[in-house]
Amino acid sequence: MAEILGWATALLSLIGFGLSLGLNPALYGATADMLARKTSVPVHLGSMILGLYIGASALFLLLQAFNPTSFVSAVKQRAHDELFNRAVDLGAGLVFLVLAIVIAVWALRVPERAPKPTKDTNTDNAQGSHPWTYLLIGLSSSVIGFTTLPIMYLVGRVTTSVTPHLLLRLLAFAVFLVALAAPFIAMAWVWRRFPNRANQVSELYARALARDYRWAGAGILAVCACIFFALGFFLPR
């Protein structure tokens, strides 16, 4: 009974870790983009999930003998120190200001963007739909981030503590991988389950992509520049 309870707790923990690692805006954005563009969803979604699996599996093996807690803490402390550096604030403000000016000049010189050539969104030639793109998104999302290393370290600890047998550890890790991919597969299933609603969303998405956001982008960058300049000049150190 104790062993069954231990396995149940471990599997629930692994499912939670899988869902947590997959909680990345880039992954959900990429999934929504491929669905809205009506690209070859099985190929592209499979490529993204493959990237997730490759990155997570590599970290799983690497962290069997490495505790990343101290490393992550040191990086966070260094980032905290840099955020309160006056030169960093002023430099970031300058970068945002230059970008805002560049975009504004572009919008003034080219008031209307040239229309993009019409493409069949149901083919693999749709813009941004190359499978390698989604593979890299999945790979980077599974290895980059402050919470990624601790999560994968805990996954390794849980699978190690639940059983001494290698095969059973791999099966437990497979549960983690299933939980990691489940939300994106569920999104694709819901999308295909309600085609009329999916078509409406695709049309709205296409209209949104056709709009010119250059002035809005320049305005947002200018506001960010003002915020960083204010922090650099007026924030007490």
C-alpha atoms as a PDB file:
ATOM      1  CA  MET A   1       0.000   0.000   0.000  1.00  0.00           C
ATOM      2  CA  ALA A   2       2.842   2.382   0.873  1.00  0.00           C
ATOM      3  CA  GLU A   3       4.516   1.618  -2.457  1.00  0.00           C
ATOM      4  CA  ILE A   4       1.313   2.319  -4.385  1.00  0.00           C
ATOM      5  CA  LEU A   5       0.857   5.597  -2.536  1.00  0.00           C
ATOM      6  CA  GLY A   6       4.445   6.532  -3.287  1.00  0.00           C
ATOM      7  CA  TRP A   7       3.982   5.847  -6.993  1.00  0.00           C
ATOM      8  CA  ALA A   8       0.715   7.806  -7.090  1.00  0.00           C
ATOM      9  CA  THR A   9       2.364  10.800  -5.443  1.00  0.00           C
ATOM     10  CA  ALA A  10       5.363  10.609  -7.756  1.00  0.00           C
ATOM     11  CA  LEU A  11       3.244  10.365 -10.916  1.00  0.00           C
ATOM     12  CA  LEU A  12       1.055  13.282  -9.856  1.00  0.00           C
ATOM     13  CA  SER A  13       4.200  15.314  -9.194  1.00  0.00           C
ATOM     14  CA  LEU A  14       5.615  14.421 -12.612  1.00  0.00           C
ATOM     15  CA  ILE A  15       2.367  15.413 -14.295  1.00  0.00           C
ATOM     16  CA  GLY A  16       2.480  18.751 -12.493  1.00  0.00           C
ATOM     17  CA  PHE A  17       6.111  19.277 -13.489  1.00  0.00           C
ATOM     18  CA  GLY A  18       5.272  18.494 -17.128  1.00  0.00           C
ATOM     19  CA  LEU A  19       2.420  20.994 -17.192  1.00  0.00           C
ATOM     20  CA  SER A  20       4.609  23.599 -15.467  1.00  0.00           C
ATOM     21  CA  LEU A  21       7.492  23.216 -17.923  1.00  0.00           C
ATOM     22  CA  GLY A  22       5.095  23.543 -20.853  1.00  0.00           C
ATOM     23  CA  LEU A  23       3.562  26.714 -19.395  1.00  0.00           C
ATOM     24  CA  ASN A  24       5.441  28.930 -21.836  1.00  0.00           C
ATOM     25  CA  PRO A  25       3.803  31.747 -23.864  1.00  0.00           C
ATOM     26  CA  ALA A  26       6.063  30.977 -26.829  1.00  0.00           C
ATOM     27  CA  LEU A  27       4.749  27.402 -27.027  1.00  0.00           C
ATOM     28  CA  TYR A  28       1.102  28.378 -26.770  1.00  0.00           C
ATOM     29  CA  GLY A  29       1.637  31.228 -29.235  1.00  0.00           C
ATOM     30  CA  ALA A  30       3.334  28.924 -31.737  1.00  0.00           C
ATOM     31  CA  THR A  31       0.532  26.371 -31.401  1.00  0.00           C
ATOM     32  CA  ALA A  32      -2.161  29.020 -31.872  1.00  0.00           C
ATOM     33  CA  ASP A  33      -0.266  30.426 -34.875  1.00  0.00           C
ATOM     34  CA  MET A  34       0.024  27.091 -36.677  1.00  0.00           C
ATOM     35  CA  LEU A  35      -3.652  26.376 -36.050  1.00  0.00           C
ATOM     36  CA  ALA A  36      -4.833  29.810 -37.186  1.00  0.00           C
ATOM     37  CA  ARG A  37      -2.682  29.684 -40.323  1.00  0.00           C
ATOM     38  CA  LYS A  38      -4.143  26.267 -41.177  1.00  0.00           C
ATOM     39  CA  THR A  39      -0.704  24.844 -41.820  1.00  0.00           C
ATOM     40  CA  SER A  40       0.079  21.137 -41.696  1.00  0.00           C
ATOM     41  CA  VAL A  41      -0.661  20.875 -37.990  1.00  0.00           C
ATOM     42  CA  PRO A  42       0.427  17.247 -37.351  1.00  0.00           C
ATOM     43  CA  VAL A  43       3.870  17.860 -38.861  1.00  0.00           C
ATOM     44  CA  HIS A  44       4.501  21.197 -37.192  1.00  0.00           C
ATOM     45  CA  LEU A  45       3.007  20.273 -33.840  1.00  0.00           C
ATOM     46  CA  GLY A  46       4.986  17.039 -33.908  1.00  0.00           C
ATOM     47  CA  SER A  47       8.172  18.998 -34.633  1.00  0.00           C
ATOM     48  CA  MET A  48       7.554  21.339 -31.702  1.00  0.00           C
ATOM     49  CA  ILE A  49       6.845  18.464 -29.341  1.00  0.00           C
ATOM     50  CA  LEU A  50       9.946  16.639 -30.602  1.00  0.00           C
ATOM     51  CA  GLY A  51      11.994  19.722 -29.752  1.00  0.00           C
ATOM     52  CA  LEU A  52      10.468  19.753 -26.272  1.00  0.00           C
ATOM     53  CA  TYR A  53      11.279  16.081 -25.801  1.00  0.00           C
ATOM     54  CA  ILE A  54      14.875  16.458 -27.000  1.00  0.00           C
ATOM     55  CA  GLY A  55      15.592  19.388 -24.691  1.00  0.00           C
ATOM     56  CA  ALA A  56      13.824  17.893 -21.672  1.00  0.00           C
ATOM     57  CA  SER A  57      15.496  14.508 -22.125  1.00  0.00           C
ATOM     58  CA  ALA A  58      18.947  16.094 -22.461  1.00  0.00           C
ATOM     59  CA  LEU A  59      18.443  18.075 -19.251  1.00  0.00           C
ATOM     60  CA  PHE A  60      17.039  15.019 -17.514  1.00  0.00           C
ATOM     61  CA  LEU A  61      20.230  13.099 -18.241  1.00  0.00           C
ATOM     62  CA  LEU A  62      22.537  16.040 -17.495  1.00  0.00           C
ATOM     63  CA  LEU A  63      20.962  16.891 -14.142  1.00  0.00           C
ATOM     64  CA  GLN A  64      21.260  13.381 -12.781  1.00  0.00           C
ATOM     65  CA  ALA A  65      24.640  14.432 -11.371  1.00  0.00           C
ATOM     66  CA  PHE A  66      24.266  18.223 -11.133  1.00  0.00           C
ATOM     67  CA  ASN A  67      22.214  20.353  -8.732  1.00  0.00           C
ATOM     68  CA  PRO A  68      21.357  23.628 -10.527  1.00  0.00           C
ATOM     69  CA  THR A  69      19.943  25.445  -7.485  1.00  0.00           C
ATOM     70  CA  SER A  70      23.111  27.382  -6.618  1.00  0.00           C
ATOM     71  CA  PHE A  71      23.752  28.220 -10.277  1.00  0.00           C
ATOM     72  CA  VAL A  72      20.231  29.594 -10.776  1.00  0.00           C
ATOM     73  CA  SER A  73      20.475  31.619  -7.537  1.00  0.00           C
ATOM     74  CA  ALA A  74      23.764  33.162  -8.640  1.00  0.00           C
ATOM     75  CA  VAL A  75      22.351  34.107 -12.037  1.00  0.00           C
ATOM     76  CA  LYS A  76      19.257  35.652 -10.435  1.00  0.00           C
ATOM     77  CA  GLN A  77      21.425  37.692  -8.068  1.00  0.00           C
ATOM     78  CA  ARG A  78      23.591  38.909 -10.952  1.00  0.00           C
ATOM     79  CA  ALA A  79      20.482  39.857 -12.933  1.00  0.00           C
ATOM     80  CA  HIS A  80      19.082  41.688  -9.892  1.00  0.00           C
ATOM     81  CA  ASP A  81      22.305  43.676  -9.527  1.00  0.00           C
ATOM     82  CA  GLU A  82      22.316  44.605 -13.210  1.00  0.00           C
ATOM     83  CA  LEU A  83      18.682  45.732 -13.093  1.00  0.00           C
ATOM     84  CA  PHE A  84      19.606  48.292 -10.418  1.00  0.00           C
ATOM     85  CA  ASN A  85      22.568  49.581 -12.404  1.00  0.00           C
ATOM     86  CA  ARG A  86      22.066  53.173 -13.626  1.00  0.00           C
ATOM     87  CA  ALA A  87      24.125  52.600 -16.776  1.00  0.00           C
ATOM     88  CA  VAL A  88      21.956  49.599 -17.715  1.00  0.00           C
ATOM     89  CA  ASP A  89      18.771  51.655 -17.341  1.00  0.00           C
ATOM     90  CA  LEU A  90      20.125  54.524 -19.444  1.00  0.00           C
ATOM     91  CA  GLY A  91      21.513  52.127 -22.055  1.00  0.00           C
ATOM     92  CA  ALA A  92      18.188  50.301 -22.334  1.00  0.00           C
ATOM     93  CA  GLY A  93      16.369  53.641 -22.630  1.00  0.00           C
ATOM     94  CA  LEU A  94      18.695  54.687 -25.438  1.00  0.00           C
ATOM     95  CA  VAL A  95      18.167  51.405 -27.294  1.00  0.00           C
ATOM     96  CA  PHE A  96      14.378  51.694 -27.041  1.00  0.00           C
ATOM     97  CA  LEU A  97      14.495  55.330 -28.184  1.00  0.00           C
ATOM     98  CA  VAL A  98      16.632  54.494 -31.232  1.00  0.00           C
ATOM     99  CA  LEU A  99      14.295  51.644 -32.175  1.00  0.00           C
ATOM    100  CA  ALA A 100      11.264  53.928 -31.823  1.00  0.00           C
ATOM    101  CA  ILE A 101      12.880  56.528 -34.096  1.00  0.00           C
ATOM    102  CA  VAL A 102      13.835  53.912 -36.698  1.00  0.00           C
ATOM    103  CA  ILE A 103      10.299  52.520 -36.847  1.00  0.00           C
ATOM    104  CA  ALA A 104       8.769  56.025 -36.981  1.00  0.00           C
ATOM    105  CA  VAL A 105      11.061  57.030 -39.847  1.00  0.00           C
ATOM    106  CA  TRP A 106      10.166  53.807 -41.650  1.00  0.00           C
ATOM    107  CA  ALA A 107       6.446  54.531 -41.232  1.00  0.00           C
ATOM    108  CA  LEU A 108       6.915  58.094 -42.553  1.00  0.00           C
ATOM    109  CA  ARG A 109       8.978  57.046 -45.554  1.00  0.00           C
ATOM    110  CA  VAL A 110       6.761  54.072 -46.426  1.00  0.00           C
ATOM    111  CA  PRO A 111       3.219  55.033 -45.300  1.00  0.00           C
ATOM    112  CA  GLU A 112       1.690  51.840 -46.692  1.00  0.00           C
ATOM    113  CA  ARG A 113       3.374  48.482 -46.506  1.00  0.00           C
ATOM    114  CA  ALA A 114       3.547  46.507 -49.721  1.00  0.00           C
ATOM    115  CA  PRO A 115       0.942  43.725 -49.699  1.00  0.00           C
ATOM    116  CA  LYS A 116       2.376  40.299 -49.166  1.00  0.00           C
ATOM    117  CA  PRO A 117       1.953  37.793 -51.988  1.00  0.00           C
ATOM    118  CA  THR A 118      -1.050  35.567 -51.548  1.00  0.00           C
ATOM    119  CA  LYS A 119      -0.138  32.087 -50.406  1.00  0.00           C
ATOM    120  CA  ASP A 120      -2.104  28.968 -49.850  1.00  0.00           C
ATOM    121  CA  THR A 121      -2.312  28.704 -46.056  1.00  0.00           C
ATOM    122  CA  ASN A 122      -3.185  25.019 -46.311  1.00  0.00           C
ATOM    123  CA  THR A 123       0.258  24.096 -47.607  1.00  0.00           C
ATOM    124  CA  ASP A 124       3.597  23.777 -45.901  1.00  0.00           C
ATOM    125  CA  ASN A 125       4.777  26.872 -47.779  1.00  0.00           C
ATOM    126  CA  ALA A 126       2.760  29.156 -45.535  1.00  0.00           C
ATOM    127  CA  GLN A 127       4.870  31.871 -43.953  1.00  0.00           C
ATOM    128  CA  GLY A 128       6.747  30.779 -40.869  1.00  0.00           C
ATOM    129  CA  SER A 129       5.523  27.189 -41.189  1.00  0.00           C
ATOM    130  CA  HIS A 130       8.779  25.306 -41.713  1.00  0.00           C
ATOM    131  CA  PRO A 131       8.936  22.348 -39.312  1.00  0.00           C
ATOM    132  CA  TRP A 132      12.449  23.304 -38.221  1.00  0.00           C
ATOM    133  CA  THR A 133      11.074  26.577 -36.875  1.00  0.00           C
ATOM    134  CA  TYR A 134       8.763  24.767 -34.489  1.00  0.00           C
ATOM    135  CA  LEU A 135      11.452  22.253 -33.586  1.00  0.00           C
ATOM    136  CA  LEU A 136      13.718  25.103 -32.468  1.00  0.00           C
ATOM    137  CA  ILE A 137      10.863  26.764 -30.556  1.00  0.00           C
ATOM    138  CA  GLY A 138      10.217  23.555 -28.656  1.00  0.00           C
ATOM    139  CA  LEU A 139      13.918  22.904 -28.037  1.00  0.00           C
ATOM    140  CA  SER A 140      14.660  26.413 -26.772  1.00  0.00           C
ATOM    141  CA  SER A 141      11.546  26.519 -24.590  1.00  0.00           C
ATOM    142  CA  SER A 142      12.551  23.284 -22.852  1.00  0.00           C
ATOM    143  CA  VAL A 143      16.090  24.369 -21.935  1.00  0.00           C
ATOM    144  CA  ILE A 144      15.958  28.166 -21.456  1.00  0.00           C
ATOM    145  CA  GLY A 145      14.463  29.794 -18.385  1.00  0.00           C
ATOM    146  CA  PHE A 146      15.061  30.298 -14.669  1.00  0.00           C
ATOM    147  CA  THR A 147      12.528  27.628 -13.713  1.00  0.00           C
ATOM    148  CA  THR A 148      13.544  25.072 -16.335  1.00  0.00           C
ATOM    149  CA  LEU A 149      16.630  23.724 -14.575  1.00  0.00           C
ATOM    150  CA  PRO A 150      14.999  23.369 -11.130  1.00  0.00           C
ATOM    151  CA  ILE A 151      11.960  21.637 -12.643  1.00  0.00           C
ATOM    152  CA  MET A 152      14.073  19.136 -14.558  1.00  0.00           C
ATOM    153  CA  TYR A 153      16.255  18.553 -11.502  1.00  0.00           C
ATOM    154  CA  LEU A 154      13.146  17.754  -9.445  1.00  0.00           C
ATOM    155  CA  VAL A 155      11.924  15.434 -12.204  1.00  0.00           C
ATOM    156  CA  GLY A 156      15.191  13.540 -11.925  1.00  0.00           C
ATOM    157  CA  ARG A 157      14.968  13.388  -8.137  1.00  0.00           C
ATOM    158  CA  VAL A 158      11.389  12.108  -8.207  1.00  0.00           C
ATOM    159  CA  THR A 159      12.088   9.390 -10.766  1.00  0.00           C
ATOM    160  CA  THR A 160      15.203   8.338  -8.850  1.00  0.00           C
ATOM    161  CA  SER A 161      13.487   8.191  -5.472  1.00  0.00           C
ATOM    162  CA  VAL A 162      10.399   6.310  -6.614  1.00  0.00           C
ATOM    163  CA  THR A 163      12.255   3.209  -7.830  1.00  0.00           C
ATOM    164  CA  PRO A 164      15.812   1.861  -8.208  1.00  0.00           C
ATOM    165  CA  HIS A 165      14.976   0.117 -11.518  1.00  0.00           C
ATOM    166  CA  LEU A 166      16.076   1.952 -14.665  1.00  0.00           C
ATOM    167  CA  LEU A 167      13.152   0.769 -16.809  1.00  0.00           C
ATOM    168  CA  LEU A 168      10.593   1.947 -14.275  1.00  0.00           C
ATOM    169  CA  ARG A 169      12.363   5.300 -14.016  1.00  0.00           C
ATOM    170  CA  LEU A 170      12.119   5.693 -17.768  1.00  0.00           C
ATOM    171  CA  LEU A 171       8.415   4.831 -17.646  1.00  0.00           C
ATOM    172  CA  ALA A 172       7.911   7.464 -14.946  1.00  0.00           C
ATOM    173  CA  PHE A 173       9.789   9.977 -17.098  1.00  0.00           C
ATOM    174  CA  ALA A 174       7.516   9.034 -20.010  1.00  0.00           C
ATOM    175  CA  VAL A 175       4.534  10.144 -17.890  1.00  0.00           C
ATOM    176  CA  PHE A 176       6.245  13.516 -17.496  1.00  0.00           C
ATOM    177  CA  LEU A 177       6.739  13.749 -21.270  1.00  0.00           C
ATOM    178  CA  VAL A 178       3.076  12.926 -21.935  1.00  0.00           C
ATOM    179  CA  ALA A 179       1.986  15.672 -19.528  1.00  0.00           C
ATOM    180  CA  LEU A 180       4.412  18.094 -21.203  1.00  0.00           C
ATOM    181  CA  ALA A 181       2.826  17.613 -24.635  1.00  0.00           C
ATOM    182  CA  ALA A 182      -0.796  17.070 -23.560  1.00  0.00           C
ATOM    183  CA  PRO A 183      -1.986  20.734 -23.518  1.00  0.00           C
ATOM    184  CA  PHE A 184      -0.831  21.374 -27.085  1.00  0.00           C
ATOM    185  CA  ILE A 185      -2.345  18.168 -28.413  1.00  0.00           C
ATOM    186  CA  ALA A 186      -5.573  19.092 -26.612  1.00  0.00           C
ATOM    187  CA  MET A 187      -5.551  22.523 -28.285  1.00  0.00           C
ATOM    188  CA  ALA A 188      -5.217  20.925 -31.718  1.00  0.00           C
ATOM    189  CA  TRP A 189      -8.003  18.442 -30.936  1.00  0.00           C
ATOM    190  CA  VAL A 190     -10.385  21.187 -29.793  1.00  0.00           C
ATOM    191  CA  TRP A 191      -9.520  23.220 -32.885  1.00  0.00           C
ATOM    192  CA  ARG A 192     -10.426  20.347 -35.211  1.00  0.00           C
ATOM    193  CA  ARG A 193     -13.469  19.486 -33.114  1.00  0.00           C
ATOM    194  CA  PHE A 194     -15.073  22.893 -33.745  1.00  0.00           C
ATOM    195  CA  PRO A 195     -14.189  23.793 -37.366  1.00  0.00           C
ATOM    196  CA  ASN A 196     -16.700  26.653 -37.756  1.00  0.00           C
ATOM    197  CA  ARG A 197     -15.379  28.488 -34.723  1.00  0.00           C
ATOM    198  CA  ALA A 198     -11.824  27.725 -35.831  1.00  0.00           C
ATOM    199  CA  ASN A 199     -12.474  29.296 -39.246  1.00  0.00           C
ATOM    200  CA  GLN A 200     -13.803  32.457 -37.598  1.00  0.00           C
ATOM    201  CA  VAL A 201     -10.706  32.717 -35.434  1.00  0.00           C
ATOM    202  CA  SER A 202      -8.481  32.156 -38.494  1.00  0.00           C
ATOM    203  CA  GLU A 203     -10.201  34.991 -40.355  1.00  0.00           C
ATOM    204  CA  LEU A 204      -9.783  37.352 -37.401  1.00  0.00           C
ATOM    205  CA  TYR A 205      -6.147  36.322 -37.113  1.00  0.00           C
ATOM    206  CA  ALA A 206      -5.533  37.002 -40.816  1.00  0.00           C
ATOM    207  CA  ARG A 207      -7.107  40.470 -40.538  1.00  0.00           C
ATOM    208  CA  ALA A 208      -5.015  41.218 -37.453  1.00  0.00           C
ATOM    209  CA  LEU A 209      -1.816  40.225 -39.276  1.00  0.00           C
ATOM    210  CA  ALA A 210      -2.733  42.519 -42.194  1.00  0.00           C
ATOM    211  CA  ARG A 211      -2.894  45.653 -40.024  1.00  0.00           C
ATOM    212  CA  ASP A 212      -0.047  48.129 -39.758  1.00  0.00           C
ATOM    213  CA  TYR A 213       1.261  48.245 -36.189  1.00  0.00           C
ATOM    214  CA  ARG A 214       4.372  50.356 -36.831  1.00  0.00           C
ATOM    215  CA  TRP A 215       3.126  53.553 -35.194  1.00  0.00           C
ATOM    216  CA  ALA A 216       1.772  51.617 -32.241  1.00  0.00           C
ATOM    217  CA  GLY A 217       5.094  49.811 -31.905  1.00  0.00           C
ATOM    218  CA  ALA A 218       7.034  53.086 -32.109  1.00  0.00           C
ATOM    219  CA  GLY A 219       4.796  54.567 -29.416  1.00  0.00           C
ATOM    220  CA  ILE A 220       5.261  51.602 -27.086  1.00  0.00           C
ATOM    221  CA  LEU A 221       9.044  51.704 -27.567  1.00  0.00           C
ATOM    222  CA  ALA A 222       9.075  55.447 -26.866  1.00  0.00           C
ATOM    223  CA  VAL A 223       7.124  54.909 -23.643  1.00  0.00           C
ATOM    224  CA  CYS A 224       9.570  52.183 -22.612  1.00  0.00           C
ATOM    225  CA  ALA A 225      12.461  54.560 -23.338  1.00  0.00           C
ATOM    226  CA  CYS A 226      10.899  57.233 -21.118  1.00  0.00           C
ATOM    227  CA  ILE A 227      10.406  54.706 -18.311  1.00  0.00           C
ATOM    228  CA  PHE A 228      14.033  53.554 -18.430  1.00  0.00           C
ATOM    229  CA  PHE A 229      15.330  57.128 -18.611  1.00  0.00           C
ATOM    230  CA  ALA A 230      13.188  58.013 -15.587  1.00  0.00           C
ATOM    231  CA  LEU A 231      14.555  55.002 -13.695  1.00  0.00           C
ATOM    232  CA  GLY A 232      18.099  55.873 -14.660  1.00  0.00           C
ATOM    233  CA  PHE A 233      17.894  59.524 -13.644  1.00  0.00           C
ATOM    234  CA  PHE A 234      15.488  59.520 -10.694  1.00  0.00           C
ATOM    235  CA  LEU A 235      15.520  56.059  -9.057  1.00  0.00           C
ATOM    236  CA  PRO A 236      17.494  56.172  -5.767  1.00  0.00           C
ATOM    237  CA  ARG A 237      20.423  53.740  -5.776  1.00  0.00           C
END
